[in-house]
PDB file of all heavy atoms in Angstrom:
ATOM      1  N   ILE A   1       0.881  -1.167   0.000  1.00  0.00           N
ATOM      2  CA  ILE A   1       0.000   0.000   0.000  1.00  0.00           C
ATOM      3  C   ILE A   1       0.914   1.211   0.000  1.00  0.00           C
ATOM      4  O   ILE A   1       1.760   1.347   0.895  1.00  0.00           O
ATOM      5  CB  ILE A   1      -0.912   0.002   1.242  1.00  0.00           C
ATOM      6  CG1 ILE A   1      -1.762  -1.271   1.281  1.00  0.00           C
ATOM      7  CG2 ILE A   1      -1.783   1.262   1.264  1.00  0.00           C
ATOM      8  CD1 ILE A   1      -2.451  -1.511   2.608  1.00  0.00           C
ATOM      9  N   LYS A   2       0.778   2.069  -1.009  1.00  0.00           N
ATOM     10  CA  LYS A   2       1.658   3.240  -1.065  1.00  0.00           C
ATOM     11  C   LYS A   2       0.866   4.479  -1.443  1.00  0.00           C
ATOM     12  O   LYS A   2      -0.111   4.420  -2.182  1.00  0.00           O
ATOM     13  CB  LYS A   2       2.834   3.013  -2.013  1.00  0.00           C
ATOM     14  CG  LYS A   2       2.468   2.751  -3.442  1.00  0.00           C
ATOM     15  CD  LYS A   2       3.713   2.480  -4.265  1.00  0.00           C
ATOM     16  CE  LYS A   2       3.332   2.221  -5.709  1.00  0.00           C
ATOM     17  NZ  LYS A   2       4.510   2.038  -6.544  1.00  0.00           N
ATOM     18  N   THR A   3       1.322   5.606  -0.883  1.00  0.00           N
ATOM     19  CA  THR A   3       0.656   6.883  -1.111  1.00  0.00           C
ATOM     20  C   THR A   3       1.563   7.829  -1.887  1.00  0.00           C
ATOM     21  O   THR A   3       2.770   7.581  -2.008  1.00  0.00           O
ATOM     22  CB  THR A   3       0.291   7.569   0.221  1.00  0.00           C
ATOM     23  OG1 THR A   3       1.507   7.975   0.867  1.00  0.00           O
ATOM     24  CG2 THR A   3      -0.510   6.644   1.130  1.00  0.00           C
ATOM     25  N   ASP A   4       0.979   8.919  -2.348  1.00  0.00           N
ATOM     26  CA  ASP A   4       1.746   9.939  -3.049  1.00  0.00           C
ATOM     27  C   ASP A   4       2.715  10.670  -2.132  1.00  0.00           C
ATOM     28  O   ASP A   4       3.649  11.305  -2.591  1.00  0.00           O
ATOM     29  CB  ASP A   4       0.812  10.926  -3.750  1.00  0.00           C
ATOM     30  CG  ASP A   4      -0.065  11.703  -2.792  1.00  0.00           C
ATOM     31  OD1 ASP A   4      -0.314  11.226  -1.651  1.00  0.00           O
ATOM     32  OD2 ASP A   4      -0.535  12.797  -3.171  1.00  0.00           O
ATOM     33  N   PHE A   5       2.526  10.569  -0.785  1.00  0.00           N
ATOM     34  CA  PHE A   5       3.469  11.231   0.132  1.00  0.00           C
ATOM     35  C   PHE A   5       4.508  10.253   0.673  1.00  0.00           C
ATOM     36  O   PHE A   5       5.170  10.506   1.667  1.00  0.00           O
ATOM     37  CB  PHE A   5       2.735  11.984   1.251  1.00  0.00           C
ATOM     38  CG  PHE A   5       1.842  11.136   2.130  1.00  0.00           C
ATOM     39  CD1 PHE A   5       2.340  10.519   3.263  1.00  0.00           C
ATOM     40  CD2 PHE A   5       0.492  10.988   1.821  1.00  0.00           C
ATOM     41  CE1 PHE A   5       1.519   9.762   4.080  1.00  0.00           C
ATOM     42  CE2 PHE A   5      -0.340  10.242   2.637  1.00  0.00           C
ATOM     43  CZ  PHE A   5       0.174   9.621   3.769  1.00  0.00           C
ATOM     44  N   LYS A   6       4.682   9.127  -0.014  1.00  0.00           N
ATOM     45  CA  LYS A   6       5.755   8.155   0.211  1.00  0.00           C
ATOM     46  C   LYS A   6       5.589   7.278   1.446  1.00  0.00           C
ATOM     47  O   LYS A   6       6.545   6.675   1.911  1.00  0.00           O
ATOM     48  CB  LYS A   6       7.125   8.831   0.199  1.00  0.00           C
ATOM     49  CG  LYS A   6       7.423   9.487  -1.134  1.00  0.00           C
ATOM     50  CD  LYS A   6       8.769  10.146  -1.155  1.00  0.00           C
ATOM     51  CE  LYS A   6       8.954  10.837  -2.495  1.00  0.00           C
ATOM     52  NZ  LYS A   6      10.027  11.778  -2.472  1.00  0.00           N
ATOM     53  N   LEU A   7       4.386   7.180   1.982  1.00  0.00           N
ATOM     54  CA  LEU A   7       4.089   6.174   2.992  1.00  0.00           C
ATOM     55  C   LEU A   7       3.985   4.840   2.271  1.00  0.00           C
ATOM     56  O   LEU A   7       3.359   4.742   1.219  1.00  0.00           O
ATOM     57  CB  LEU A   7       2.758   6.484   3.683  1.00  0.00           C
ATOM     58  CG  LEU A   7       2.159   5.358   4.532  1.00  0.00           C
ATOM     59  CD1 LEU A   7       3.003   5.110   5.787  1.00  0.00           C
ATOM     60  CD2 LEU A   7       0.728   5.686   4.917  1.00  0.00           C
ATOM     61  N   LYS A   8       4.632   3.809   2.825  1.00  0.00           N
ATOM     62  CA  LYS A   8       4.534   2.459   2.265  1.00  0.00           C
ATOM     63  C   LYS A   8       4.245   1.480   3.391  1.00  0.00           C
ATOM     64  O   LYS A   8       4.874   1.537   4.451  1.00  0.00           O
ATOM     65  CB  LYS A   8       5.832   2.052   1.572  1.00  0.00           C
ATOM     66  CG  LYS A   8       6.108   2.811   0.309  1.00  0.00           C
ATOM     67  CD  LYS A   8       7.361   2.302  -0.370  1.00  0.00           C
ATOM     68  CE  LYS A   8       7.622   3.082  -1.649  1.00  0.00           C
ATOM     69  NZ  LYS A   8       8.851   2.628  -2.310  1.00  0.00           N
ATOM     70  N   VAL A   9       3.300   0.587   3.146  1.00  0.00           N
ATOM     71  CA  VAL A   9       2.966  -0.464   4.094  1.00  0.00           C
ATOM     72  C   VAL A   9       3.016  -1.783   3.333  1.00  0.00           C
ATOM     73  O   VAL A   9       2.363  -1.938   2.306  1.00  0.00           O
ATOM     74  CB  VAL A   9       1.563  -0.269   4.701  1.00  0.00           C
ATOM     75  CG1 VAL A   9       1.247  -1.385   5.684  1.00  0.00           C
ATOM     76  CG2 VAL A   9       1.460   1.100   5.372  1.00  0.00           C
ATOM     77  N   LEU A  10       3.822  -2.721   3.829  1.00  0.00           N
ATOM     78  CA  LEU A  10       3.903  -4.061   3.251  1.00  0.00           C
ATOM     79  C   LEU A  10       3.428  -5.067   4.291  1.00  0.00           C
ATOM     80  O   LEU A  10       3.854  -4.998   5.451  1.00  0.00           O
ATOM     81  CB  LEU A  10       5.350  -4.398   2.879  1.00  0.00           C
ATOM     82  CG  LEU A  10       5.878  -3.722   1.634  1.00  0.00           C
ATOM     83  CD1 LEU A  10       7.202  -3.066   1.936  1.00  0.00           C
ATOM     84  CD2 LEU A  10       6.035  -4.753   0.545  1.00  0.00           C
ATOM     85  N   TYR A  11       2.562  -5.989   3.862  1.00  0.00           N
ATOM     86  CA  TYR A  11       2.082  -7.052   4.752  1.00  0.00           C
ATOM     87  C   TYR A  11       2.057  -8.337   3.939  1.00  0.00           C
ATOM     88  O   TYR A  11       1.545  -8.360   2.821  1.00  0.00           O
ATOM     89  CB  TYR A  11       0.695  -6.700   5.295  1.00  0.00           C
ATOM     90  CG  TYR A  11       0.063  -7.764   6.165  1.00  0.00           C
ATOM     91  CD1 TYR A  11       0.731  -8.298   7.260  1.00  0.00           C
ATOM     92  CD2 TYR A  11      -1.215  -8.221   5.895  1.00  0.00           C
ATOM     93  CE1 TYR A  11       0.141  -9.265   8.066  1.00  0.00           C
ATOM     94  CE2 TYR A  11      -1.819  -9.177   6.697  1.00  0.00           C
ATOM     95  CZ  TYR A  11      -1.127  -9.705   7.775  1.00  0.00           C
ATOM     96  OH  TYR A  11      -1.722 -10.666   8.556  1.00  0.00           O
ATOM     97  N   ASP A  12       2.613  -9.408   4.505  1.00  0.00           N
ATOM     98  CA  ASP A  12       2.759 -10.661   3.763  1.00  0.00           C
ATOM     99  C   ASP A  12       1.560 -11.601   3.889  1.00  0.00           C
ATOM    100  O   ASP A  12       1.680 -12.788   3.596  1.00  0.00           O
ATOM    101  CB  ASP A  12       4.039 -11.380   4.179  1.00  0.00           C
ATOM    102  CG  ASP A  12       3.998 -11.899   5.609  1.00  0.00           C
ATOM    103  OD1 ASP A  12       3.011 -11.633   6.338  1.00  0.00           O
ATOM    104  OD2 ASP A  12       4.963 -12.582   6.006  1.00  0.00           O
ATOM    105  N   TRP A  13       0.420 -11.074   4.291  1.00  0.00           N
ATOM    106  CA  TRP A  13      -0.798 -11.863   4.475  1.00  0.00           C
ATOM    107  C   TRP A  13      -0.585 -12.977   5.500  1.00  0.00           C
ATOM    108  O   TRP A  13      -1.275 -13.978   5.497  1.00  0.00           O
ATOM    109  CB  TRP A  13      -1.304 -12.466   3.161  1.00  0.00           C
ATOM    110  CG  TRP A  13      -2.056 -11.515   2.287  1.00  0.00           C
ATOM    111  CD1 TRP A  13      -3.271 -10.969   2.540  1.00  0.00           C
ATOM    112  CD2 TRP A  13      -1.656 -11.012   1.013  1.00  0.00           C
ATOM    113  NE1 TRP A  13      -3.650 -10.159   1.498  1.00  0.00           N
ATOM    114  CE2 TRP A  13      -2.678 -10.171   0.553  1.00  0.00           C
ATOM    115  CE3 TRP A  13      -0.527 -11.201   0.229  1.00  0.00           C
ATOM    116  CZ2 TRP A  13      -2.607  -9.513  -0.663  1.00  0.00           C
ATOM    117  CZ3 TRP A  13      -0.454 -10.544  -0.976  1.00  0.00           C
ATOM    118  CH2 TRP A  13      -1.487  -9.703  -1.415  1.00  0.00           C
ATOM    119  N   ASP A  14       0.395 -12.770   6.408  1.00  0.00           N
ATOM    120  CA  ASP A  14       0.652 -13.805   7.415  1.00  0.00           C
ATOM    121  C   ASP A  14       1.042 -13.186   8.748  1.00  0.00           C
ATOM    122  O   ASP A  14       0.204 -13.015   9.615  1.00  0.00           O
ATOM    123  CB  ASP A  14       1.722 -14.777   6.930  1.00  0.00           C
ATOM    124  CG  ASP A  14       1.916 -15.949   7.878  1.00  0.00           C
ATOM    125  OD1 ASP A  14       0.982 -16.277   8.642  1.00  0.00           O
ATOM    126  OD2 ASP A  14       3.013 -16.541   7.866  1.00  0.00           O
ATOM    127  N   ASP A  15       2.324 -12.837   8.920  1.00  0.00           N
ATOM    128  CA  ASP A  15       2.747 -12.368  10.244  1.00  0.00           C
ATOM    129  C   ASP A  15       3.841 -11.310  10.201  1.00  0.00           C
ATOM    130  O   ASP A  15       4.505 -11.064  11.190  1.00  0.00           O
ATOM    131  CB  ASP A  15       3.210 -13.550  11.100  1.00  0.00           C
ATOM    132  CG  ASP A  15       4.523 -14.162  10.621  1.00  0.00           C
ATOM    133  OD1 ASP A  15       4.981 -13.805   9.522  1.00  0.00           O
ATOM    134  OD2 ASP A  15       5.082 -14.987  11.344  1.00  0.00           O
ATOM    135  N   HIS A  16       4.034 -10.672   9.057  1.00  0.00           N
ATOM    136  CA  HIS A  16       5.116  -9.693   8.936  1.00  0.00           C
ATOM    137  C   HIS A  16       4.582  -8.420   8.294  1.00  0.00           C
ATOM    138  O   HIS A  16       4.075  -8.459   7.169  1.00  0.00           O
ATOM    139  CB  HIS A  16       6.256 -10.273   8.092  1.00  0.00           C
ATOM    140  CG  HIS A  16       7.479  -9.420   8.053  1.00  0.00           C
ATOM    141  ND1 HIS A  16       8.352  -9.330   9.103  1.00  0.00           N
ATOM    142  CD2 HIS A  16       7.955  -8.607   7.091  1.00  0.00           C
ATOM    143  CE1 HIS A  16       9.337  -8.498   8.782  1.00  0.00           C
ATOM    144  NE2 HIS A  16       9.110  -8.044   7.569  1.00  0.00           N
ATOM    145  N   VAL A  17       4.684  -7.297   9.004  1.00  0.00           N
ATOM    146  CA  VAL A  17       4.251  -6.009   8.470  1.00  0.00           C
ATOM    147  C   VAL A  17       5.400  -5.013   8.583  1.00  0.00           C
ATOM    148  O   VAL A  17       6.123  -5.001   9.583  1.00  0.00           O
ATOM    149  CB  VAL A  17       2.965  -5.486   9.175  1.00  0.00           C
ATOM    150  CG1 VAL A  17       3.184  -5.275  10.650  1.00  0.00           C
ATOM    151  CG2 VAL A  17       2.446  -4.225   8.519  1.00  0.00           C
ATOM    152  N   VAL A  18       5.581  -4.210   7.530  1.00  0.00           N
ATOM    153  CA  VAL A  18       6.630  -3.196   7.483  1.00  0.00           C
ATOM    154  C   VAL A  18       5.974  -1.869   7.118  1.00  0.00           C
ATOM    155  O   VAL A  18       5.148  -1.809   6.209  1.00  0.00           O
ATOM    156  CB  VAL A  18       7.705  -3.539   6.423  1.00  0.00           C
ATOM    157  CG1 VAL A  18       8.742  -2.425   6.318  1.00  0.00           C
ATOM    158  CG2 VAL A  18       8.365  -4.871   6.725  1.00  0.00           C
ATOM    159  N   VAL A  19       6.356  -0.799   7.845  1.00  0.00           N
ATOM    160  CA  VAL A  19       5.869   0.552   7.557  1.00  0.00           C
ATOM    161  C   VAL A  19       7.076   1.421   7.259  1.00  0.00           C
ATOM    162  O   VAL A  19       8.017   1.471   8.057  1.00  0.00           O
ATOM    163  CB  VAL A  19       5.082   1.138   8.751  1.00  0.00           C
ATOM    164  CG1 VAL A  19       4.633   2.560   8.435  1.00  0.00           C
ATOM    165  CG2 VAL A  19       3.900   0.256   9.110  1.00  0.00           C
ATOM    166  N   LYS A  20       7.051   2.107   6.114  1.00  0.00           N
ATOM    167  CA  LYS A  20       8.117   3.043   5.742  1.00  0.00           C
ATOM    168  C   LYS A  20       7.494   4.429   5.628  1.00  0.00           C
ATOM    169  O   LYS A  20       6.443   4.588   5.019  1.00  0.00           O
ATOM    170  CB  LYS A  20       8.761   2.635   4.418  1.00  0.00           C
ATOM    171  CG  LYS A  20       9.503   1.309   4.515  1.00  0.00           C
ATOM    172  CD  LYS A  20      10.117   0.931   3.187  1.00  0.00           C
ATOM    173  CE  LYS A  20      10.874  -0.357   3.302  1.00  0.00           C
ATOM    174  NZ  LYS A  20      12.263  -0.184   3.652  1.00  0.00           N
ATOM    175  N   LEU A  21       8.185   5.402   6.213  1.00  0.00           N
ATOM    176  CA  LEU A  21       7.651   6.755   6.299  1.00  0.00           C
ATOM    177  C   LEU A  21       8.760   7.760   6.039  1.00  0.00           C
ATOM    178  O   LEU A  21       9.861   7.621   6.574  1.00  0.00           O
ATOM    179  CB  LEU A  21       7.089   6.946   7.712  1.00  0.00           C
ATOM    180  CG  LEU A  21       6.146   8.089   7.993  1.00  0.00           C
ATOM    181  CD1 LEU A  21       4.915   8.014   7.110  1.00  0.00           C
ATOM    182  CD2 LEU A  21       5.729   8.051   9.449  1.00  0.00           C
ATOM    183  N   PRO A  22       8.515   8.791   5.212  1.00  0.00           N
ATOM    184  CA  PRO A  22       9.560   9.782   4.943  1.00  0.00           C
ATOM    185  C   PRO A  22       9.846  10.650   6.165  1.00  0.00           C
ATOM    186  O   PRO A  22       9.014  10.808   7.060  1.00  0.00           O
ATOM    187  CB  PRO A  22       8.993  10.611   3.795  1.00  0.00           C
ATOM    188  CG  PRO A  22       7.530  10.409   3.839  1.00  0.00           C
ATOM    189  CD  PRO A  22       7.294   9.059   4.457  1.00  0.00           C
ATOM    190  N   SER A  23      11.030  11.234   6.175  1.00  0.00           N
ATOM    191  CA  SER A  23      11.494  12.027   7.315  1.00  0.00           C
ATOM    192  C   SER A  23      10.644  13.265   7.570  1.00  0.00           C
ATOM    193  O   SER A  23      10.707  13.837   8.656  1.00  0.00           O
ATOM    194  CB  SER A  23      12.955  12.444   7.104  1.00  0.00           C
ATOM    195  OG  SER A  23      13.072  13.206   5.912  1.00  0.00           O
ATOM    196  N   THR A  24       9.826  13.673   6.612  1.00  0.00           N
ATOM    197  CA  THR A  24       8.953  14.837   6.827  1.00  0.00           C
ATOM    198  C   THR A  24       7.973  14.593   7.980  1.00  0.00           C
ATOM    199  O   THR A  24       7.440  15.536   8.541  1.00  0.00           O
ATOM    200  CB  THR A  24       8.151  15.175   5.552  1.00  0.00           C
ATOM    201  OG1 THR A  24       7.518  13.990   5.074  1.00  0.00           O
ATOM    202  CG2 THR A  24       9.038  15.746   4.475  1.00  0.00           C
ATOM    203  N   PHE A  25       7.755  13.324   8.356  1.00  0.00           N
ATOM    204  CA  PHE A  25       6.849  12.995   9.451  1.00  0.00           C
ATOM    205  C   PHE A  25       7.575  12.817  10.787  1.00  0.00           C
ATOM    206  O   PHE A  25       6.944  12.510  11.790  1.00  0.00           O
ATOM    207  CB  PHE A  25       6.047  11.724   9.125  1.00  0.00           C
ATOM    208  CG  PHE A  25       4.984  11.954   8.111  1.00  0.00           C
ATOM    209  CD1 PHE A  25       5.244  11.830   6.759  1.00  0.00           C
ATOM    210  CD2 PHE A  25       3.700  12.316   8.495  1.00  0.00           C
ATOM    211  CE1 PHE A  25       4.258  12.054   5.808  1.00  0.00           C
ATOM    212  CE2 PHE A  25       2.703  12.545   7.564  1.00  0.00           C
ATOM    213  CZ  PHE A  25       2.989  12.415   6.219  1.00  0.00           C
ATOM    214  N   SER A  26       8.868  13.021  10.809  1.00  0.00           N
ATOM    215  CA  SER A  26       9.639  12.850  12.038  1.00  0.00           C
ATOM    216  C   SER A  26       9.097  13.786  13.125  1.00  0.00           C
ATOM    217  O   SER A  26       8.933  14.984  12.911  1.00  0.00           O
ATOM    218  CB  SER A  26      11.120  13.155  11.775  1.00  0.00           C
ATOM    219  OG  SER A  26      11.856  13.004  12.953  1.00  0.00           O
ATOM    220  N   GLY A  27       8.798  13.213  14.301  1.00  0.00           N
ATOM    221  CA  GLY A  27       8.281  13.981  15.410  1.00  0.00           C
ATOM    222  C   GLY A  27       6.806  14.310  15.309  1.00  0.00           C
ATOM    223  O   GLY A  27       6.257  14.993  16.168  1.00  0.00           O
ATOM    224  N   LYS A  28       6.141  13.810  14.265  1.00  0.00           N
ATOM    225  CA  LYS A  28       4.720  14.132  14.071  1.00  0.00           C
ATOM    226  C   LYS A  28       3.818  12.899  14.122  1.00  0.00           C
ATOM    227  O   LYS A  28       2.630  12.993  13.862  1.00  0.00           O
ATOM    228  CB  LYS A  28       4.549  14.845  12.723  1.00  0.00           C
ATOM    229  CG  LYS A  28       5.242  16.201  12.706  1.00  0.00           C
ATOM    230  CD  LYS A  28       5.081  16.868  11.373  1.00  0.00           C
ATOM    231  CE  LYS A  28       5.576  18.259  11.262  1.00  0.00           C
ATOM    232  NZ  LYS A  28       6.613  18.731  12.080  1.00  0.00           N
ATOM    233  N   VAL A  29       4.390  11.723  14.419  1.00  0.00           N
ATOM    234  CA  VAL A  29       3.605  10.491  14.498  1.00  0.00           C
ATOM    235  C   VAL A  29       3.740   9.869  15.881  1.00  0.00           C
ATOM    236  O   VAL A  29       4.657  10.186  16.640  1.00  0.00           O
ATOM    237  CB  VAL A  29       4.035   9.463  13.427  1.00  0.00           C
ATOM    238  CG1 VAL A  29       3.747   9.996  12.024  1.00  0.00           C
ATOM    239  CG2 VAL A  29       5.499   9.080  13.560  1.00  0.00           C
TER     240      VAL A  29
END
């Protein structure tokens, strides 16, 4: 799952999820 603001979420339909977020969100999440 990816957005135009570079958020990415990967899930393997089992037990592993990864979230990637650009540095523009540092200190805001």
